[in-house]
Each structure stands twice: as C-alpha cells, then as structure tokens.
Amino acid sequence: MDDDLVRKIANDPRYRQLKARRTSFGMWLTLAMLVVYYGFILLVAFNKPLLATRLGEGVTTVGMPLGLGVILFTILITGIYVRRANSEFDKLSDDLNKAVLK
C-alpha cells in the first residue's frame, strides 16, 4: 500500500471518528458478553443447586433456559453489531474512502 495514502487515511478525522466509535461500541458489547458468560459460569461454579432446580414435572432445569439465554444473547449482540456496522460504520467508511481517494 502507498505510504502517502496510509498517512492520509491515518490523519483524516473521519478515520479517527470511525475507529473511536467502532472500538467503543465493540468494547461495550464485549463487556456485556463477558458479564453474561462469566455470570453463567459463576452460577455453575457456585450455585449448582439453583441451576439444578427443576421447572415443573419434566426434566428441564433452570440451567437449561439460562444456558440457552447465553447463546441467544450472543446471537442478539452479534446482530446488533452487524446492524450498526452495516449502517453507521459503513457510511463513515464510505465517506472516508470518497474523501481520501479524490
């Protein structure tokens, strides 16, 4: 890649804005995922009786829907990131490309 182009992109305020927004948003989603995942792991480690509590007369325990909830939460935050990346982040990236490649 051309060093001048790299320098031009790195010095552009739109690039810094894109980088800051994407990093900040990614950190918040990462923090949310860590809280949910490690919260579940801590429940497994320290409160097995709660997770083993049966729901109704069947074989389903509290841990099963909670585990499914962790998986669904992962899918949800992935969708949230993709939606924001496809709208806000792609727009910022396109604006940067247009400005730098003039």
PDB file of N, CA and C in Angstrom:
ATOM      1  N   MET A   1       0.847  -1.174   0.000  1.00  0.00           N
ATOM      2  CA  MET A   1       0.000   0.000   0.000  1.00  0.00           C
ATOM      3  C   MET A   1       0.896   1.243   0.000  1.00  0.00           C
ATOM      4  N   ASP A   2       0.438   2.255  -0.635  1.00  0.00           N
ATOM      5  CA  ASP A   2       1.172   3.511  -0.757  1.00  0.00           C
ATOM      6  C   ASP A   2       1.270   4.213   0.599  1.00  0.00           C
ATOM      7  N   ASP A   3       2.493   4.585   0.989  1.00  0.00           N
ATOM      8  CA  ASP A   3       2.702   5.229   2.290  1.00  0.00           C
ATOM      9  C   ASP A   3       1.961   6.553   2.410  1.00  0.00           C
ATOM     10  N   ASP A   4       1.886   7.293   1.303  1.00  0.00           N
ATOM     11  CA  ASP A   4       1.157   8.573   1.338  1.00  0.00           C
ATOM     12  C   ASP A   4      -0.325   8.355   1.606  1.00  0.00           C
ATOM     13  N   LEU A   5      -0.885   7.330   0.986  1.00  0.00           N
ATOM     14  CA  LEU A   5      -2.295   7.021   1.197  1.00  0.00           C
ATOM     15  C   LEU A   5      -2.545   6.597   2.639  1.00  0.00           C
ATOM     16  N   VAL A   6      -1.663   5.786   3.167  1.00  0.00           N
ATOM     17  CA  VAL A   6      -1.788   5.348   4.568  1.00  0.00           C
ATOM     18  C   VAL A   6      -1.730   6.548   5.508  1.00  0.00           C
ATOM     19  N   ARG A   7      -0.791   7.420   5.279  1.00  0.00           N
ATOM     20  CA  ARG A   7      -0.645   8.621   6.104  1.00  0.00           C
ATOM     21  C   ARG A   7      -1.887   9.510   5.998  1.00  0.00           C
ATOM     22  N   LYS A   8      -2.379   9.650   4.767  1.00  0.00           N
ATOM     23  CA  LYS A   8      -3.565  10.481   4.527  1.00  0.00           C
ATOM     24  C   LYS A   8      -4.783   9.918   5.261  1.00  0.00           C
ATOM     25  N   ILE A   9      -4.957   8.607   5.212  1.00  0.00           N
ATOM     26  CA  ILE A   9      -6.076   7.972   5.910  1.00  0.00           C
ATOM     27  C   ILE A   9      -5.911   8.115   7.417  1.00  0.00           C
ATOM     28  N   ALA A  10      -4.724   7.833   7.927  1.00  0.00           N
ATOM     29  CA  ALA A  10      -4.487   7.882   9.376  1.00  0.00           C
ATOM     30  C   ALA A  10      -4.666   9.278   9.954  1.00  0.00           C
ATOM     31  N   ASN A  11      -4.411  10.299   9.158  1.00  0.00           N
ATOM     32  CA  ASN A  11      -4.541  11.674   9.641  1.00  0.00           C
ATOM     33  C   ASN A  11      -5.928  12.260   9.436  1.00  0.00           C
ATOM     34  N   ASP A  12      -6.784  11.549   8.749  1.00  0.00           N
ATOM     35  CA  ASP A  12      -8.129  12.063   8.479  1.00  0.00           C
ATOM     36  C   ASP A  12      -8.994  11.960   9.732  1.00  0.00           C
ATOM     37  N   PRO A  13      -9.708  13.031  10.100  1.00  0.00           N
ATOM     38  CA  PRO A  13     -10.564  12.984  11.295  1.00  0.00           C
ATOM     39  C   PRO A  13     -11.710  11.981  11.169  1.00  0.00           C
ATOM     40  N   ARG A  14     -12.151  11.703   9.944  1.00  0.00           N
ATOM     41  CA  ARG A  14     -13.212  10.708   9.757  1.00  0.00           C
ATOM     42  C   ARG A  14     -12.721   9.310  10.132  1.00  0.00           C
ATOM     43  N   TYR A  15     -11.451   9.026   9.840  1.00  0.00           N
ATOM     44  CA  TYR A  15     -10.874   7.735  10.209  1.00  0.00           C
ATOM     45  C   TYR A  15     -10.800   7.608  11.731  1.00  0.00           C
ATOM     46  N   ARG A  16     -10.342   8.666  12.368  1.00  0.00           N
ATOM     47  CA  ARG A  16     -10.254   8.646  13.841  1.00  0.00           C
ATOM     48  C   ARG A  16     -11.638   8.479  14.462  1.00  0.00           C
ATOM     49  N   GLN A  17     -12.642   9.143  13.877  1.00  0.00           N
ATOM     50  CA  GLN A  17     -14.018   9.029  14.373  1.00  0.00           C
ATOM     51  C   GLN A  17     -14.526   7.594  14.189  1.00  0.00           C
ATOM     52  N   LEU A  18     -14.305   7.035  13.010  1.00  0.00           N
ATOM     53  CA  LEU A  18     -14.730   5.658  12.741  1.00  0.00           C
ATOM     54  C   LEU A  18     -14.063   4.693  13.708  1.00  0.00           C
ATOM     55  N   LYS A  19     -12.761   4.845  13.871  1.00  0.00           N
ATOM     56  CA  LYS A  19     -12.000   3.961  14.745  1.00  0.00           C
ATOM     57  C   LYS A  19     -12.476   4.075  16.197  1.00  0.00           C
ATOM     58  N   ALA A  20     -12.711   5.298  16.665  1.00  0.00           N
ATOM     59  CA  ALA A  20     -13.146   5.514  18.051  1.00  0.00           C
ATOM     60  C   ALA A  20     -14.545   4.945  18.289  1.00  0.00           C
ATOM     61  N   ARG A  21     -15.460   5.199  17.364  1.00  0.00           N
ATOM     62  CA  ARG A  21     -16.834   4.699  17.538  1.00  0.00           C
ATOM     63  C   ARG A  21     -16.883   3.178  17.499  1.00  0.00           C
ATOM     64  N   ARG A  22     -16.179   2.603  16.539  1.00  0.00           N
ATOM     65  CA  ARG A  22     -16.179   1.149  16.404  1.00  0.00           C
ATOM     66  C   ARG A  22     -15.541   0.488  17.619  1.00  0.00           C
ATOM     67  N   THR A  23     -14.443   1.037  18.091  1.00  0.00           N
ATOM     68  CA  THR A  23     -13.760   0.479  19.261  1.00  0.00           C
ATOM     69  C   THR A  23     -14.625   0.600  20.509  1.00  0.00           C
ATOM     70  N   SER A  24     -15.217   1.762  20.719  1.00  0.00           N
ATOM     71  CA  SER A  24     -16.065   1.986  21.888  1.00  0.00           C
ATOM     72  C   SER A  24     -17.261   1.039  21.891  1.00  0.00           C
ATOM     73  N   PHE A  25     -17.920   0.936  20.751  1.00  0.00           N
ATOM     74  CA  PHE A  25     -19.093   0.063  20.655  1.00  0.00           C
ATOM     75  C   PHE A  25     -18.696  -1.396  20.871  1.00  0.00           C
ATOM     76  N   GLY A  26     -17.584  -1.800  20.269  1.00  0.00           N
ATOM     77  CA  GLY A  26     -17.104  -3.167  20.441  1.00  0.00           C
ATOM     78  C   GLY A  26     -16.756  -3.480  21.892  1.00  0.00           C
ATOM     79  N   MET A  27     -16.189  -2.507  22.584  1.00  0.00           N
ATOM     80  CA  MET A  27     -15.850  -2.714  23.996  1.00  0.00           C
ATOM     81  C   MET A  27     -17.105  -2.909  24.848  1.00  0.00           C
ATOM     82  N   TRP A  28     -18.138  -2.103  24.582  1.00  0.00           N
ATOM     83  CA  TRP A  28     -19.380  -2.251  25.344  1.00  0.00           C
ATOM     84  C   TRP A  28     -20.020  -3.620  25.098  1.00  0.00           C
ATOM     85  N   LEU A  29     -20.029  -4.055  23.848  1.00  0.00           N
ATOM     86  CA  LEU A  29     -20.602  -5.367  23.552  1.00  0.00           C
ATOM     87  C   LEU A  29     -19.757  -6.485  24.156  1.00  0.00           C
ATOM     88  N   THR A  30     -18.453  -6.322  24.132  1.00  0.00           N
ATOM     89  CA  THR A  30     -17.567  -7.314  24.741  1.00  0.00           C
ATOM     90  C   THR A  30     -17.800  -7.388  26.245  1.00  0.00           C
ATOM     91  N   LEU A  31     -17.918  -6.242  26.874  1.00  0.00           N
ATOM     92  CA  LEU A  31     -18.183  -6.210  28.313  1.00  0.00           C
ATOM     93  C   LEU A  31     -19.513  -6.888  28.643  1.00  0.00           C
ATOM     94  N   ALA A  32     -20.547  -6.596  27.853  1.00  0.00           N
ATOM     95  CA  ALA A  32     -21.855  -7.226  28.075  1.00  0.00           C
ATOM     96  C   ALA A  32     -21.754  -8.741  27.937  1.00  0.00           C
ATOM     97  N   MET A  33     -21.036  -9.199  26.918  1.00  0.00           N
ATOM     98  CA  MET A  33     -20.895 -10.643  26.711  1.00  0.00           C
ATOM     99  C   MET A  33     -20.120 -11.291  27.845  1.00  0.00           C
ATOM    100  N   LEU A  34     -19.067 -10.626  28.300  1.00  0.00           N
ATOM    101  CA  LEU A  34     -18.290 -11.176  29.412  1.00  0.00           C
ATOM    102  C   LEU A  34     -19.122 -11.283  30.682  1.00  0.00           C
ATOM    103  N   VAL A  35     -19.933 -10.278  30.948  1.00  0.00           N
ATOM    104  CA  VAL A  35     -20.793 -10.306  32.143  1.00  0.00           C
ATOM    105  C   VAL A  35     -21.778 -11.470  32.058  1.00  0.00           C
ATOM    106  N   VAL A  36     -22.419 -11.628  30.910  1.00  0.00           N
ATOM    107  CA  VAL A  36     -23.401 -12.703  30.754  1.00  0.00           C
ATOM    108  C   VAL A  36     -22.721 -14.068  30.830  1.00  0.00           C
ATOM    109  N   TYR A  37     -21.655 -14.250  30.071  1.00  0.00           N
ATOM    110  CA  TYR A  37     -20.995 -15.553  30.032  1.00  0.00           C
ATOM    111  C   TYR A  37     -20.393 -15.921  31.393  1.00  0.00           C
ATOM    112  N   TYR A  38     -19.599 -15.014  31.953  1.00  0.00           N
ATOM    113  CA  TYR A  38     -18.965 -15.350  33.231  1.00  0.00           C
ATOM    114  C   TYR A  38     -19.976 -15.374  34.380  1.00  0.00           C
ATOM    115  N   GLY A  39     -21.045 -14.635  34.251  1.00  0.00           N
ATOM    116  CA  GLY A  39     -22.124 -14.759  35.237  1.00  0.00           C
ATOM    117  C   GLY A  39     -22.695 -16.165  35.240  1.00  0.00           C
ATOM    118  N   PHE A  40     -22.916 -16.706  34.047  1.00  0.00           N
ATOM    119  CA  PHE A  40     -23.413 -18.074  33.939  1.00  0.00           C
ATOM    120  C   PHE A  40     -22.390 -19.068  34.487  1.00  0.00           C
ATOM    121  N   ILE A  41     -21.118 -18.888  34.136  1.00  0.00           N
ATOM    122  CA  ILE A  41     -20.063 -19.789  34.626  1.00  0.00           C
ATOM    123  C   ILE A  41     -19.953 -19.722  36.151  1.00  0.00           C
ATOM    124  N   LEU A  42     -20.078 -18.518  36.701  1.00  0.00           N
ATOM    125  CA  LEU A  42     -20.034 -18.384  38.171  1.00  0.00           C
ATOM    126  C   LEU A  42     -21.225 -19.079  38.818  1.00  0.00           C
ATOM    127  N   LEU A  43     -22.388 -19.013  38.180  1.00  0.00           N
ATOM    128  CA  LEU A  43     -23.538 -19.768  38.701  1.00  0.00           C
ATOM    129  C   LEU A  43     -23.259 -21.265  38.671  1.00  0.00           C
ATOM    130  N   VAL A  44     -22.668 -21.747  37.599  1.00  0.00           N
ATOM    131  CA  VAL A  44     -22.320 -23.171  37.506  1.00  0.00           C
ATOM    132  C   VAL A  44     -21.335 -23.542  38.611  1.00  0.00           C
ATOM    133  N   ALA A  45     -20.373 -22.675  38.863  1.00  0.00           N
ATOM    134  CA  ALA A  45     -19.339 -22.984  39.850  1.00  0.00           C
ATOM    135  C   ALA A  45     -19.839 -22.880  41.288  1.00  0.00           C
ATOM    136  N   PHE A  46     -20.687 -21.880  41.562  1.00  0.00           N
ATOM    137  CA  PHE A  46     -21.004 -21.599  42.964  1.00  0.00           C
ATOM    138  C   PHE A  46     -22.463 -21.816  43.370  1.00  0.00           C
ATOM    139  N   ASN A  47     -23.343 -22.077  42.414  1.00  0.00           N
ATOM    140  CA  ASN A  47     -24.740 -22.278  42.793  1.00  0.00           C
ATOM    141  C   ASN A  47     -25.386 -23.373  41.943  1.00  0.00           C
ATOM    142  N   LYS A  48     -24.788 -24.536  41.974  1.00  0.00           N
ATOM    143  CA  LYS A  48     -25.315 -25.670  41.219  1.00  0.00           C
ATOM    144  C   LYS A  48     -26.736 -26.045  41.625  1.00  0.00           C
ATOM    145  N   PRO A  49     -27.073 -25.966  42.910  1.00  0.00           N
ATOM    146  CA  PRO A  49     -28.452 -26.317  43.273  1.00  0.00           C
ATOM    147  C   PRO A  49     -29.509 -25.427  42.597  1.00  0.00           C
ATOM    148  N   LEU A  50     -29.208 -24.156  42.421  1.00  0.00           N
ATOM    149  CA  LEU A  50     -30.155 -23.281  41.720  1.00  0.00           C
ATOM    150  C   LEU A  50     -30.323 -23.728  40.274  1.00  0.00           C
ATOM    151  N   LEU A  51     -29.216 -24.002  39.600  1.00  0.00           N
ATOM    152  CA  LEU A  51     -29.287 -24.421  38.209  1.00  0.00           C
ATOM    153  C   LEU A  51     -29.915 -25.803  38.048  1.00  0.00           C
ATOM    154  N   ALA A  52     -29.837 -26.634  39.072  1.00  0.00           N
ATOM    155  CA  ALA A  52     -30.403 -27.977  39.014  1.00  0.00           C
ATOM    156  C   ALA A  52     -31.881 -28.004  39.395  1.00  0.00           C
ATOM    157  N   THR A  53     -32.439 -26.879  39.806  1.00  0.00           N
ATOM    158  CA  THR A  53     -33.848 -26.820  40.187  1.00  0.00           C
ATOM    159  C   THR A  53     -34.713 -27.117  38.967  1.00  0.00           C
ATOM    160  N   ARG A  54     -35.624 -28.075  39.141  1.00  0.00           N
ATOM    161  CA  ARG A  54     -36.500 -28.478  38.023  1.00  0.00           C
ATOM    162  C   ARG A  54     -37.588 -27.427  37.802  1.00  0.00           C
ATOM    163  N   LEU A  55     -37.922 -27.274  36.548  1.00  0.00           N
ATOM    164  CA  LEU A  55     -39.035 -26.414  36.172  1.00  0.00           C
ATOM    165  C   LEU A  55     -40.216 -27.316  35.854  1.00  0.00           C
ATOM    166  N   GLY A  56     -41.152 -27.384  36.756  1.00  0.00           N
ATOM    167  CA  GLY A  56     -42.325 -28.243  36.556  1.00  0.00           C
ATOM    168  C   GLY A  56     -42.004 -29.706  36.810  1.00  0.00           C
ATOM    169  N   GLU A  57     -42.778 -30.579  36.159  1.00  0.00           N
ATOM    170  CA  GLU A  57     -42.658 -32.020  36.372  1.00  0.00           C
ATOM    171  C   GLU A  57     -41.650 -32.688  35.440  1.00  0.00           C
ATOM    172  N   GLY A  58     -41.203 -32.000  34.415  1.00  0.00           N
ATOM    173  CA  GLY A  58     -40.313 -32.603  33.418  1.00  0.00           C
ATOM    174  C   GLY A  58     -38.863 -32.631  33.847  1.00  0.00           C
ATOM    175  N   VAL A  59     -38.003 -32.758  32.861  1.00  0.00           N
ATOM    176  CA  VAL A  59     -36.572 -32.863  33.115  1.00  0.00           C
ATOM    177  C   VAL A  59     -35.856 -31.531  32.942  1.00  0.00           C
ATOM    178  N   THR A  60     -36.570 -30.515  32.532  1.00  0.00           N
ATOM    179  CA  THR A  60     -35.955 -29.212  32.307  1.00  0.00           C
ATOM    180  C   THR A  60     -35.613 -28.554  33.637  1.00  0.00           C
ATOM    181  N   THR A  61     -34.376 -28.077  33.735  1.00  0.00           N
ATOM    182  CA  THR A  61     -33.929 -27.384  34.938  1.00  0.00           C
ATOM    183  C   THR A  61     -33.734 -25.899  34.622  1.00  0.00           C
ATOM    184  N   VAL A  62     -33.509 -25.105  35.639  1.00  0.00           N
ATOM    185  CA  VAL A  62     -33.287 -23.666  35.482  1.00  0.00           C
ATOM    186  C   VAL A  62     -32.059 -23.408  34.606  1.00  0.00           C
ATOM    187  N   GLY A  63     -31.061 -24.271  34.713  1.00  0.00           N
ATOM    188  CA  GLY A  63     -29.827 -24.088  33.949  1.00  0.00           C
ATOM    189  C   GLY A  63     -30.014 -24.181  32.445  1.00  0.00           C
ATOM    190  N   MET A  64     -30.970 -24.972  32.000  1.00  0.00           N
ATOM    191  CA  MET A  64     -31.180 -25.136  30.558  1.00  0.00           C
ATOM    192  C   MET A  64     -31.640 -23.837  29.884  1.00  0.00           C
ATOM    193  N   PRO A  65     -32.690 -23.190  30.361  1.00  0.00           N
ATOM    194  CA  PRO A  65     -33.058 -21.925  29.720  1.00  0.00           C
ATOM    195  C   PRO A  65     -32.015 -20.823  29.921  1.00  0.00           C
ATOM    196  N   LEU A  66     -31.310 -20.853  31.042  1.00  0.00           N
ATOM    197  CA  LEU A  66     -30.240 -19.868  31.234  1.00  0.00           C
ATOM    198  C   LEU A  66     -29.103 -20.084  30.232  1.00  0.00           C
ATOM    199  N   GLY A  67     -28.723 -21.327  29.997  1.00  0.00           N
ATOM    200  CA  GLY A  67     -27.701 -21.637  29.004  1.00  0.00           C
ATOM    201  C   GLY A  67     -28.158 -21.243  27.603  1.00  0.00           C
ATOM    202  N   LEU A  68     -29.411 -21.533  27.300  1.00  0.00           N
ATOM    203  CA  LEU A  68     -29.975 -21.115  26.016  1.00  0.00           C
ATOM    204  C   LEU A  68     -29.996 -19.593  25.920  1.00  0.00           C
ATOM    205  N   GLY A  69     -30.268 -18.929  27.030  1.00  0.00           N
ATOM    206  CA  GLY A  69     -30.261 -17.471  27.058  1.00  0.00           C
ATOM    207  C   GLY A  69     -28.893 -16.894  26.737  1.00  0.00           C
ATOM    208  N   VAL A  70     -27.835 -17.545  27.218  1.00  0.00           N
ATOM    209  CA  VAL A  70     -26.470 -17.094  26.910  1.00  0.00           C
ATOM    210  C   VAL A  70     -26.225 -17.196  25.402  1.00  0.00           C
ATOM    211  N   ILE A  71     -26.647 -18.301  24.815  1.00  0.00           N
ATOM    212  CA  ILE A  71     -26.479 -18.490  23.369  1.00  0.00           C
ATOM    213  C   ILE A  71     -27.287 -17.455  22.593  1.00  0.00           C
ATOM    214  N   LEU A  72     -28.532 -17.242  22.970  1.00  0.00           N
ATOM    215  CA  LEU A  72     -29.384 -16.265  22.293  1.00  0.00           C
ATOM    216  C   LEU A  72     -28.858 -14.846  22.465  1.00  0.00           C
ATOM    217  N   PHE A  73     -28.306 -14.549  23.640  1.00  0.00           N
ATOM    218  CA  PHE A  73     -27.709 -13.235  23.868  1.00  0.00           C
ATOM    219  C   PHE A  73     -26.532 -13.003  22.926  1.00  0.00           C
ATOM    220  N   THR A  74     -25.729 -14.054  22.718  1.00  0.00           N
ATOM    221  CA  THR A  74     -24.600 -13.958  21.794  1.00  0.00           C
ATOM    222  C   THR A  74     -25.082 -13.651  20.384  1.00  0.00           C
ATOM    223  N   ILE A  75     -26.118 -14.340  19.948  1.00  0.00           N
ATOM    224  CA  ILE A  75     -26.691 -14.093  18.620  1.00  0.00           C
ATOM    225  C   ILE A  75     -27.244 -12.679  18.541  1.00  0.00           C
ATOM    226  N   LEU A  76     -27.919 -12.240  19.593  1.00  0.00           N
ATOM    227  CA  LEU A  76     -28.507 -10.898  19.619  1.00  0.00           C
ATOM    228  C   LEU A  76     -27.443  -9.812  19.504  1.00  0.00           C
ATOM    229  N   ILE A  77     -26.383  -9.887  20.303  1.00  0.00           N
ATOM    230  CA  ILE A  77     -25.386  -8.815  20.237  1.00  0.00           C
ATOM    231  C   ILE A  77     -24.588  -8.872  18.936  1.00  0.00           C
ATOM    232  N   THR A  78     -24.460 -10.060  18.351  1.00  0.00           N
ATOM    233  CA  THR A  78     -23.839 -10.145  17.031  1.00  0.00           C
ATOM    234  C   THR A  78     -24.700  -9.419  16.008  1.00  0.00           C
ATOM    235  N   GLY A  79     -26.006  -9.633  16.065  1.00  0.00           N
ATOM    236  CA  GLY A  79     -26.929  -8.939  15.169  1.00  0.00           C
ATOM    237  C   GLY A  79     -26.904  -7.439  15.364  1.00  0.00           C
ATOM    238  N   ILE A  80     -26.818  -7.014  16.610  1.00  0.00           N
ATOM    239  CA  ILE A  80     -26.751  -5.576  16.905  1.00  0.00           C
ATOM    240  C   ILE A  80     -25.483  -4.979  16.299  1.00  0.00           C
ATOM    241  N   TYR A  81     -24.362  -5.684  16.456  1.00  0.00           N
ATOM    242  CA  TYR A  81     -23.106  -5.170  15.886  1.00  0.00           C
ATOM    243  C   TYR A  81     -23.185  -5.111  14.360  1.00  0.00           C
ATOM    244  N   VAL A  82     -23.693  -6.164  13.744  1.00  0.00           N
ATOM    245  CA  VAL A  82     -23.781  -6.204  12.286  1.00  0.00           C
ATOM    246  C   VAL A  82     -24.684  -5.092  11.769  1.00  0.00           C
ATOM    247  N   ARG A  83     -25.804  -4.878  12.450  1.00  0.00           N
ATOM    248  CA  ARG A  83     -26.724  -3.815  12.027  1.00  0.00           C
ATOM    249  C   ARG A  83     -26.052  -2.443  12.094  1.00  0.00           C
ATOM    250  N   ARG A  84     -25.365  -2.188  13.186  1.00  0.00           N
ATOM    251  CA  ARG A  84     -24.693  -0.895  13.320  1.00  0.00           C
ATOM    252  C   ARG A  84     -23.517  -0.775  12.347  1.00  0.00           C
ATOM    253  N   ALA A  85     -22.795  -1.870  12.142  1.00  0.00           N
ATOM    254  CA  ALA A  85     -21.674  -1.846  11.196  1.00  0.00           C
ATOM    255  C   ALA A  85     -22.176  -1.578   9.785  1.00  0.00           C
ATOM    256  N   ASN A  86     -23.292  -2.184   9.421  1.00  0.00           N
ATOM    257  CA  ASN A  86     -23.827  -2.005   8.070  1.00  0.00           C
ATOM    258  C   ASN A  86     -24.427  -0.627   7.847  1.00  0.00           C
ATOM    259  N   SER A  87     -24.780   0.056   8.898  1.00  0.00           N
ATOM    260  CA  SER A  87     -25.355   1.392   8.721  1.00  0.00           C
ATOM    261  C   SER A  87     -24.317   2.469   9.037  1.00  0.00           C
ATOM    262  N   GLU A  88     -24.042   2.674  10.292  1.00  0.00           N
ATOM    263  CA  GLU A  88     -23.167   3.771  10.721  1.00  0.00           C
ATOM    264  C   GLU A  88     -21.713   3.587  10.287  1.00  0.00           C
ATOM    265  N   PHE A  89     -21.134   2.432  10.571  1.00  0.00           N
ATOM    266  CA  PHE A  89     -19.717   2.242  10.300  1.00  0.00           C
ATOM    267  C   PHE A  89     -19.428   2.190   8.798  1.00  0.00           C
ATOM    268  N   ASP A  90     -20.306   1.552   8.031  1.00  0.00           N
ATOM    269  CA  ASP A  90     -20.110   1.519   6.582  1.00  0.00           C
ATOM    270  C   ASP A  90     -20.240   2.907   5.971  1.00  0.00           C
ATOM    271  N   LYS A  91     -21.161   3.719   6.486  1.00  0.00           N
ATOM    272  CA  LYS A  91     -21.322   5.078   5.973  1.00  0.00           C
ATOM    273  C   LYS A  91     -20.061   5.901   6.251  1.00  0.00           C
ATOM    274  N   LEU A  92     -19.548   5.802   7.470  1.00  0.00           N
ATOM    275  CA  LEU A  92     -18.316   6.522   7.809  1.00  0.00           C
ATOM    276  C   LEU A  92     -17.145   6.043   6.939  1.00  0.00           C
ATOM    277  N   SER A  93     -17.071   4.752   6.704  1.00  0.00           N
ATOM    278  CA  SER A  93     -16.005   4.200   5.874  1.00  0.00           C
ATOM    279  C   SER A  93     -16.129   4.674   4.425  1.00  0.00           C
ATOM    280  N   ASP A  94     -17.351   4.689   3.903  1.00  0.00           N
ATOM    281  CA  ASP A  94     -17.569   5.176   2.533  1.00  0.00           C
ATOM    282  C   ASP A  94     -17.204   6.649   2.402  1.00  0.00           C
ATOM    283  N   ASP A  95     -17.611   7.448   3.394  1.00  0.00           N
ATOM    284  CA  ASP A  95     -17.269   8.881   3.382  1.00  0.00           C
ATOM    285  C   ASP A  95     -15.748   9.063   3.390  1.00  0.00           C
ATOM    286  N   LEU A  96     -15.067   8.280   4.187  1.00  0.00           N
ATOM    287  CA  LEU A  96     -13.611   8.345   4.253  1.00  0.00           C
ATOM    288  C   LEU A  96     -12.990   7.953   2.913  1.00  0.00           C
ATOM    289  N   ASN A  97     -13.473   6.881   2.315  1.00  0.00           N
ATOM    290  CA  ASN A  97     -12.947   6.458   1.013  1.00  0.00           C
ATOM    291  C   ASN A  97     -13.123   7.533  -0.047  1.00  0.00           C
ATOM    292  N   LYS A  98     -14.291   8.141  -0.087  1.00  0.00           N
ATOM    293  CA  LYS A  98     -14.558   9.186  -1.072  1.00  0.00           C
ATOM    294  C   LYS A  98     -13.637  10.385  -0.871  1.00  0.00           C
ATOM    295  N   ALA A  99     -13.414  10.742   0.389  1.00  0.00           N
ATOM    296  CA  ALA A  99     -12.580  11.911   0.668  1.00  0.00           C
ATOM    297  C   ALA A  99     -11.101  11.649   0.372  1.00  0.00           C
ATOM    298  N   VAL A 100     -10.636  10.468   0.706  1.00  0.00           N
ATOM    299  CA  VAL A 100      -9.218  10.177   0.574  1.00  0.00           C
ATOM    300  C   VAL A 100      -8.833   9.834  -0.868  1.00  0.00           C
ATOM    301  N   LEU A 101      -9.719   9.203  -1.595  1.00  0.00           N
ATOM    302  CA  LEU A 101      -9.384   8.745  -2.933  1.00  0.00           C
ATOM    303  C   LEU A 101      -9.742   9.753  -4.026  1.00  0.00           C
ATOM    304  N   LYS A 102      -9.960  11.001  -3.684  1.00  0.00           N
ATOM    305  CA  LYS A 102     -10.258  12.041  -4.673  1.00  0.00           C
ATOM    306  C   LYS A 102      -9.090  12.258  -5.574  1.00  0.00           C
TER     307      LYS A 102
END
